Amino acid sequence: GMKKNMDNKYLESAILLARLYGIAETLNPWVYLENEKFISLIKEWADEFQSMENGDILKFFESKIESKTE
């Protein structure tokens, strides 16, 4: 029911954010994140994105990495 849909949306967001991060990482000379730190970052972002009403995941991701690339 409702919970399963939420879990799926959360998972999809997390996977998309992780993919976007992976792509962005190859374009930027970022410090390598250990798996544990990477996973908690993605969870944090997925949680935040989930709480937004119909957010645009690309815009959301861009706003997150803007601070990293400055």
PDB file of N, CA and C in Angstrom:
ATOM      1  N   GLY A   1       0.817  -1.202   0.000  1.00  0.00           N
ATOM      2  CA  GLY A   1       0.000   0.000   0.000  1.00  0.00           C
ATOM      3  C   GLY A   1       0.857   1.261   0.000  1.00  0.00           C
ATOM      4  N   MET A   2       0.435   2.205   0.807  1.00  0.00           N
ATOM      5  CA  MET A   2       1.072   3.519   0.877  1.00  0.00           C
ATOM      6  C   MET A   2       2.554   3.419   1.247  1.00  0.00           C
ATOM      7  N   LYS A   3       2.868   2.608   2.263  1.00  0.00           N
ATOM      8  CA  LYS A   3       4.248   2.495   2.734  1.00  0.00           C
ATOM      9  C   LYS A   3       5.165   1.968   1.635  1.00  0.00           C
ATOM     10  N   LYS A   4       4.694   0.961   0.892  1.00  0.00           N
ATOM     11  CA  LYS A   4       5.504   0.388  -0.158  1.00  0.00           C
ATOM     12  C   LYS A   4       5.821   1.408  -1.249  1.00  0.00           C
ATOM     13  N   ASN A   5       4.835   2.221  -1.608  1.00  0.00           N
ATOM     14  CA  ASN A   5       5.056   3.278  -2.584  1.00  0.00           C
ATOM     15  C   ASN A   5       6.097   4.274  -2.110  1.00  0.00           C
ATOM     16  N   MET A   6       6.033   4.614  -0.828  1.00  0.00           N
ATOM     17  CA  MET A   6       7.001   5.530  -0.239  1.00  0.00           C
ATOM     18  C   MET A   6       8.392   4.919  -0.317  1.00  0.00           C
ATOM     19  N   ASP A   7       8.507   3.644   0.035  1.00  0.00           N
ATOM     20  CA  ASP A   7       9.800   2.961   0.002  1.00  0.00           C
ATOM     21  C   ASP A   7      10.363   2.933  -1.411  1.00  0.00           C
ATOM     22  N   ASN A   8       9.512   2.647  -2.392  1.00  0.00           N
ATOM     23  CA  ASN A   8       9.954   2.616  -3.783  1.00  0.00           C
ATOM     24  C   ASN A   8      10.439   3.983  -4.245  1.00  0.00           C
ATOM     25  N   LYS A   9       9.676   5.019  -3.895  1.00  0.00           N
ATOM     26  CA  LYS A   9      10.049   6.376  -4.280  1.00  0.00           C
ATOM     27  C   LYS A   9      11.374   6.752  -3.620  1.00  0.00           C
ATOM     28  N   TYR A  10      11.528   6.369  -2.363  1.00  0.00           N
ATOM     29  CA  TYR A  10      12.755   6.654  -1.628  1.00  0.00           C
ATOM     30  C   TYR A  10      13.940   5.963  -2.299  1.00  0.00           C
ATOM     31  N   LEU A  11      13.748   4.697  -2.621  1.00  0.00           N
ATOM     32  CA  LEU A  11      14.796   3.908  -3.246  1.00  0.00           C
ATOM     33  C   LEU A  11      15.176   4.477  -4.608  1.00  0.00           C
ATOM     34  N   GLU A  12      14.163   4.828  -5.389  1.00  0.00           N
ATOM     35  CA  GLU A  12      14.421   5.407  -6.709  1.00  0.00           C
ATOM     36  C   GLU A  12      15.203   6.706  -6.583  1.00  0.00           C
ATOM     37  N   SER A  13      14.823   7.540  -5.629  1.00  0.00           N
ATOM     38  CA  SER A  13      15.536   8.804  -5.401  1.00  0.00           C
ATOM     39  C   SER A  13      16.978   8.537  -5.024  1.00  0.00           C
ATOM     40  N   ALA A  14      17.169   7.597  -4.095  1.00  0.00           N
ATOM     41  CA  ALA A  14      18.519   7.297  -3.622  1.00  0.00           C
ATOM     42  C   ALA A  14      19.394   6.785  -4.763  1.00  0.00           C
ATOM     43  N   ILE A  15      18.841   5.903  -5.582  1.00  0.00           N
ATOM     44  CA  ILE A  15      19.605   5.336  -6.696  1.00  0.00           C
ATOM     45  C   ILE A  15      19.942   6.420  -7.716  1.00  0.00           C
ATOM     46  N   LEU A  16      18.963   7.249  -8.045  1.00  0.00           N
ATOM     47  CA  LEU A  16      19.206   8.342  -8.995  1.00  0.00           C
ATOM     48  C   LEU A  16      20.250   9.312  -8.480  1.00  0.00           C
ATOM     49  N   LEU A  17      20.144   9.673  -7.206  1.00  0.00           N
ATOM     50  CA  LEU A  17      21.107  10.603  -6.626  1.00  0.00           C
ATOM     51  C   LEU A  17      22.504  10.001  -6.631  1.00  0.00           C
ATOM     52  N   ALA A  18      22.592   8.711  -6.337  1.00  0.00           N
ATOM     53  CA  ALA A  18      23.890   8.042  -6.341  1.00  0.00           C
ATOM     54  C   ALA A  18      24.486   8.024  -7.750  1.00  0.00           C
ATOM     55  N   ARG A  19      23.657   7.777  -8.750  1.00  0.00           N
ATOM     56  CA  ARG A  19      24.126   7.781 -10.139  1.00  0.00           C
ATOM     57  C   ARG A  19      24.592   9.167 -10.550  1.00  0.00           C
ATOM     58  N   LEU A  20      23.785  10.175 -10.208  1.00  0.00           N
ATOM     59  CA  LEU A  20      24.143  11.551 -10.539  1.00  0.00           C
ATOM     60  C   LEU A  20      25.456  11.925  -9.857  1.00  0.00           C
ATOM     61  N   TYR A  21      25.595  11.509  -8.610  1.00  0.00           N
ATOM     62  CA  TYR A  21      26.816  11.806  -7.876  1.00  0.00           C
ATOM     63  C   TYR A  21      28.011  11.153  -8.564  1.00  0.00           C
ATOM     64  N   GLY A  22      27.821   9.912  -8.974  1.00  0.00           N
ATOM     65  CA  GLY A  22      28.897   9.189  -9.652  1.00  0.00           C
ATOM     66  C   GLY A  22      29.336   9.877 -10.933  1.00  0.00           C
ATOM     67  N   ILE A  23      28.365  10.388 -11.674  1.00  0.00           N
ATOM     68  CA  ILE A  23      28.682  11.111 -12.908  1.00  0.00           C
ATOM     69  C   ILE A  23      29.408  12.410 -12.580  1.00  0.00           C
ATOM     70  N   ALA A  24      28.859  13.165 -11.641  1.00  0.00           N
ATOM     71  CA  ALA A  24      29.448  14.447 -11.262  1.00  0.00           C
ATOM     72  C   ALA A  24      30.861  14.267 -10.718  1.00  0.00           C
ATOM     73  N   GLU A  25      31.069  13.151 -10.024  1.00  0.00           N
ATOM     74  CA  GLU A  25      32.369  12.857  -9.417  1.00  0.00           C
ATOM     75  C   GLU A  25      33.456  12.711 -10.481  1.00  0.00           C
ATOM     76  N   THR A  26      33.083  12.165 -11.641  1.00  0.00           N
ATOM     77  CA  THR A  26      34.078  11.992 -12.702  1.00  0.00           C
ATOM     78  C   THR A  26      34.416  13.331 -13.359  1.00  0.00           C
ATOM     79  N   LEU A  27      33.529  14.310 -13.214  1.00  0.00           N
ATOM     80  CA  LEU A  27      33.744  15.621 -13.828  1.00  0.00           C
ATOM     81  C   LEU A  27      34.407  16.607 -12.881  1.00  0.00           C
ATOM     82  N   ASN A  28      34.396  16.295 -11.605  1.00  0.00           N
ATOM     83  CA  ASN A  28      34.968  17.194 -10.607  1.00  0.00           C
ATOM     84  C   ASN A  28      36.042  16.475  -9.794  1.00  0.00           C
ATOM     85  N   PRO A  29      37.118  17.166  -9.481  1.00  0.00           N
ATOM     86  CA  PRO A  29      38.187  16.540  -8.691  1.00  0.00           C
ATOM     87  C   PRO A  29      37.849  16.498  -7.204  1.00  0.00           C
ATOM     88  N   TRP A  30      36.760  15.807  -6.862  1.00  0.00           N
ATOM     89  CA  TRP A  30      36.344  15.744  -5.478  1.00  0.00           C
ATOM     90  C   TRP A  30      37.163  14.730  -4.703  1.00  0.00           C
ATOM     91  N   VAL A  31      37.193  14.954  -3.394  1.00  0.00           N
ATOM     92  CA  VAL A  31      37.822  13.985  -2.505  1.00  0.00           C
ATOM     93  C   VAL A  31      36.965  12.723  -2.522  1.00  0.00           C
ATOM     94  N   TYR A  32      37.622  11.578  -2.620  1.00  0.00           N
ATOM     95  CA  TYR A  32      36.901  10.305  -2.641  1.00  0.00           C
ATOM     96  C   TYR A  32      36.212  10.078  -1.304  1.00  0.00           C
ATOM     97  N   LEU A  33      34.928   9.724  -1.362  1.00  0.00           N
ATOM     98  CA  LEU A  33      34.181   9.438  -0.137  1.00  0.00           C
ATOM     99  C   LEU A  33      34.194   7.943   0.141  1.00  0.00           C
ATOM    100  N   GLU A  34      34.528   7.575   1.360  1.00  0.00           N
ATOM    101  CA  GLU A  34      34.431   6.175   1.767  1.00  0.00           C
ATOM    102  C   GLU A  34      32.969   5.753   1.652  1.00  0.00           C
ATOM    103  N   ASN A  35      32.750   4.457   1.415  1.00  0.00           N
ATOM    104  CA  ASN A  35      31.388   3.951   1.226  1.00  0.00           C
ATOM    105  C   ASN A  35      30.425   4.385   2.322  1.00  0.00           C
ATOM    106  N   GLU A  36      30.873   4.280   3.569  1.00  0.00           N
ATOM    107  CA  GLU A  36      29.993   4.621   4.693  1.00  0.00           C
ATOM    108  C   GLU A  36      29.530   6.070   4.621  1.00  0.00           C
ATOM    109  N   LYS A  37      30.472   6.963   4.346  1.00  0.00           N
ATOM    110  CA  LYS A  37      30.148   8.387   4.251  1.00  0.00           C
ATOM    111  C   LYS A  37      29.269   8.656   3.040  1.00  0.00           C
ATOM    112  N   PHE A  38      29.574   7.987   1.936  1.00  0.00           N
ATOM    113  CA  PHE A  38      28.802   8.151   0.711  1.00  0.00           C
ATOM    114  C   PHE A  38      27.359   7.719   0.931  1.00  0.00           C
ATOM    115  N   ILE A  39      27.203   6.545   1.551  1.00  0.00           N
ATOM    116  CA  ILE A  39      25.865   6.005   1.800  1.00  0.00           C
ATOM    117  C   ILE A  39      25.062   6.931   2.712  1.00  0.00           C
ATOM    118  N   SER A  40      25.686   7.450   3.759  1.00  0.00           N
ATOM    119  CA  SER A  40      24.923   8.320   4.653  1.00  0.00           C
ATOM    120  C   SER A  40      24.578   9.641   3.967  1.00  0.00           C
ATOM    121  N   LEU A  41      25.450  10.119   3.089  1.00  0.00           N
ATOM    122  CA  LEU A  41      25.152  11.334   2.322  1.00  0.00           C
ATOM    123  C   LEU A  41      23.950  11.106   1.408  1.00  0.00           C
ATOM    124  N   ILE A  42      23.959   9.998   0.682  1.00  0.00           N
ATOM    125  CA  ILE A  42      22.857   9.688  -0.232  1.00  0.00           C
ATOM    126  C   ILE A  42      21.543   9.496   0.539  1.00  0.00           C
ATOM    127  N   LYS A  43      21.612   8.822   1.687  1.00  0.00           N
ATOM    128  CA  LYS A  43      20.412   8.641   2.518  1.00  0.00           C
ATOM    129  C   LYS A  43      19.847   9.984   2.958  1.00  0.00           C
ATOM    130  N   GLU A  44      20.747  10.857   3.394  1.00  0.00           N
ATOM    131  CA  GLU A  44      20.366  12.184   3.843  1.00  0.00           C
ATOM    132  C   GLU A  44      19.662  12.935   2.710  1.00  0.00           C
ATOM    133  N   TRP A  45      20.250  12.919   1.535  1.00  0.00           N
ATOM    134  CA  TRP A  45      19.678  13.602   0.380  1.00  0.00           C
ATOM    135  C   TRP A  45      18.344  12.979  -0.029  1.00  0.00           C
ATOM    136  N   ALA A  46      18.280  11.649  -0.039  1.00  0.00           N
ATOM    137  CA  ALA A  46      17.041  10.961  -0.427  1.00  0.00           C
ATOM    138  C   ALA A  46      15.921  11.293   0.559  1.00  0.00           C
ATOM    139  N   ASP A  47      16.262  11.350   1.847  1.00  0.00           N
ATOM    140  CA  ASP A  47      15.276  11.726   2.867  1.00  0.00           C
ATOM    141  C   ASP A  47      14.755  13.125   2.602  1.00  0.00           C
ATOM    142  N   GLU A  48      15.680  14.029   2.358  1.00  0.00           N
ATOM    143  CA  GLU A  48      15.317  15.427   2.131  1.00  0.00           C
ATOM    144  C   GLU A  48      14.473  15.563   0.865  1.00  0.00           C
ATOM    145  N   PHE A  49      14.890  14.877  -0.193  1.00  0.00           N
ATOM    146  CA  PHE A  49      14.160  14.960  -1.454  1.00  0.00           C
ATOM    147  C   PHE A  49      12.758  14.393  -1.319  1.00  0.00           C
ATOM    148  N   GLN A  50      12.650  13.298  -0.564  1.00  0.00           N
ATOM    149  CA  GLN A  50      11.367  12.640  -0.327  1.00  0.00           C
ATOM    150  C   GLN A  50      10.366  13.575   0.337  1.00  0.00           C
ATOM    151  N   SER A  51      10.859  14.454   1.202  1.00  0.00           N
ATOM    152  CA  SER A  51       9.961  15.347   1.943  1.00  0.00           C
ATOM    153  C   SER A  51       9.489  16.525   1.088  1.00  0.00           C
ATOM    154  N   MET A  52      10.064  16.692  -0.097  1.00  0.00           N
ATOM    155  CA  MET A  52       9.640  17.764  -0.991  1.00  0.00           C
ATOM    156  C   MET A  52       8.450  17.306  -1.819  1.00  0.00           C
ATOM    157  N   GLU A  53       7.530  18.209  -2.059  1.00  0.00           N
ATOM    158  CA  GLU A  53       6.384  17.893  -2.907  1.00  0.00           C
ATOM    159  C   GLU A  53       6.815  17.991  -4.362  1.00  0.00           C
ATOM    160  N   ASN A  54       6.744  16.883  -5.077  1.00  0.00           N
ATOM    161  CA  ASN A  54       7.063  16.874  -6.504  1.00  0.00           C
ATOM    162  C   ASN A  54       8.316  17.667  -6.866  1.00  0.00           C
ATOM    163  N   GLY A  55       9.369  17.464  -6.103  1.00  0.00           N
ATOM    164  CA  GLY A  55      10.606  18.154  -6.397  1.00  0.00           C
ATOM    165  C   GLY A  55      11.231  17.647  -7.692  1.00  0.00           C
ATOM    166  N   ASP A  56      12.043  18.474  -8.310  1.00  0.00           N
ATOM    167  CA  ASP A  56      12.789  18.090  -9.505  1.00  0.00           C
ATOM    168  C   ASP A  56      14.131  17.559  -9.031  1.00  0.00           C
ATOM    169  N   ILE A  57      14.369  16.276  -9.240  1.00  0.00           N
ATOM    170  CA  ILE A  57      15.570  15.648  -8.675  1.00  0.00           C
ATOM    171  C   ILE A  57      16.862  16.237  -9.224  1.00  0.00           C
ATOM    172  N   LEU A  58      16.853  16.654 -10.474  1.00  0.00           N
ATOM    173  CA  LEU A  58      18.053  17.246 -11.040  1.00  0.00           C
ATOM    174  C   LEU A  58      18.368  18.602 -10.419  1.00  0.00           C
ATOM    175  N   LYS A  59      17.332  19.421 -10.265  1.00  0.00           N
ATOM    176  CA  LYS A  59      17.520  20.731  -9.626  1.00  0.00           C
ATOM    177  C   LYS A  59      17.974  20.533  -8.185  1.00  0.00           C
ATOM    178  N   PHE A  60      17.357  19.566  -7.516  1.00  0.00           N
ATOM    179  CA  PHE A  60      17.712  19.277  -6.130  1.00  0.00           C
ATOM    180  C   PHE A  60      19.190  18.878  -6.037  1.00  0.00           C
ATOM    181  N   PHE A  61      19.592  17.956  -6.912  1.00  0.00           N
ATOM    182  CA  PHE A  61      20.981  17.495  -6.915  1.00  0.00           C
ATOM    183  C   PHE A  61      21.946  18.647  -7.186  1.00  0.00           C
ATOM    184  N   GLU A  62      21.608  19.462  -8.171  1.00  0.00           N
ATOM    185  CA  GLU A  62      22.467  20.599  -8.512  1.00  0.00           C
ATOM    186  C   GLU A  62      22.632  21.555  -7.336  1.00  0.00           C
ATOM    187  N   SER A  63      21.546  21.787  -6.612  1.00  0.00           N
ATOM    188  CA  SER A  63      21.639  22.672  -5.447  1.00  0.00           C
ATOM    189  C   SER A  63      22.530  22.058  -4.373  1.00  0.00           C
ATOM    190  N   LYS A  64      22.526  20.734  -4.279  1.00  0.00           N
ATOM    191  CA  LYS A  64      23.351  20.050  -3.293  1.00  0.00           C
ATOM    192  C   LYS A  64      24.842  20.121  -3.629  1.00  0.00           C
ATOM    193  N   ILE A  65      25.162  20.000  -4.918  1.00  0.00           N
ATOM    194  CA  ILE A  65      26.576  19.964  -5.267  1.00  0.00           C
ATOM    195  C   ILE A  65      27.169  21.352  -5.539  1.00  0.00           C
ATOM    196  N   GLU A  66      26.304  22.358  -5.663  1.00  0.00           N
ATOM    197  CA  GLU A  66      26.817  23.711  -5.879  1.00  0.00           C
ATOM    198  C   GLU A  66      27.792  24.096  -4.768  1.00  0.00           C
ATOM    199  N   SER A  67      27.426  23.769  -3.544  1.00  0.00           N
ATOM    200  CA  SER A  67      28.282  24.105  -2.412  1.00  0.00           C
ATOM    201  C   SER A  67      29.607  23.340  -2.447  1.00  0.00           C
ATOM    202  N   LYS A  68      29.572  22.131  -3.044  1.00  0.00           N
ATOM    203  CA  LYS A  68      30.785  21.313  -3.140  1.00  0.00           C
ATOM    204  C   LYS A  68      31.768  21.856  -4.171  1.00  0.00           C
ATOM    205  N   THR A  69      31.229  22.451  -5.239  1.00  0.00           N
ATOM    206  CA  THR A  69      32.088  22.840  -6.350  1.00  0.00           C
ATOM    207  C   THR A  69      32.587  24.285  -6.267  1.00  0.00           C
ATOM    208  N   GLU A  70      32.106  25.011  -5.269  1.00  0.00           N
ATOM    209  CA  GLU A  70      32.544  26.414  -5.155  1.00  0.00           C
ATOM    210  C   GLU A  70      33.925  26.507  -4.563  1.00  0.00           C
TER     211      GLU A  70
END
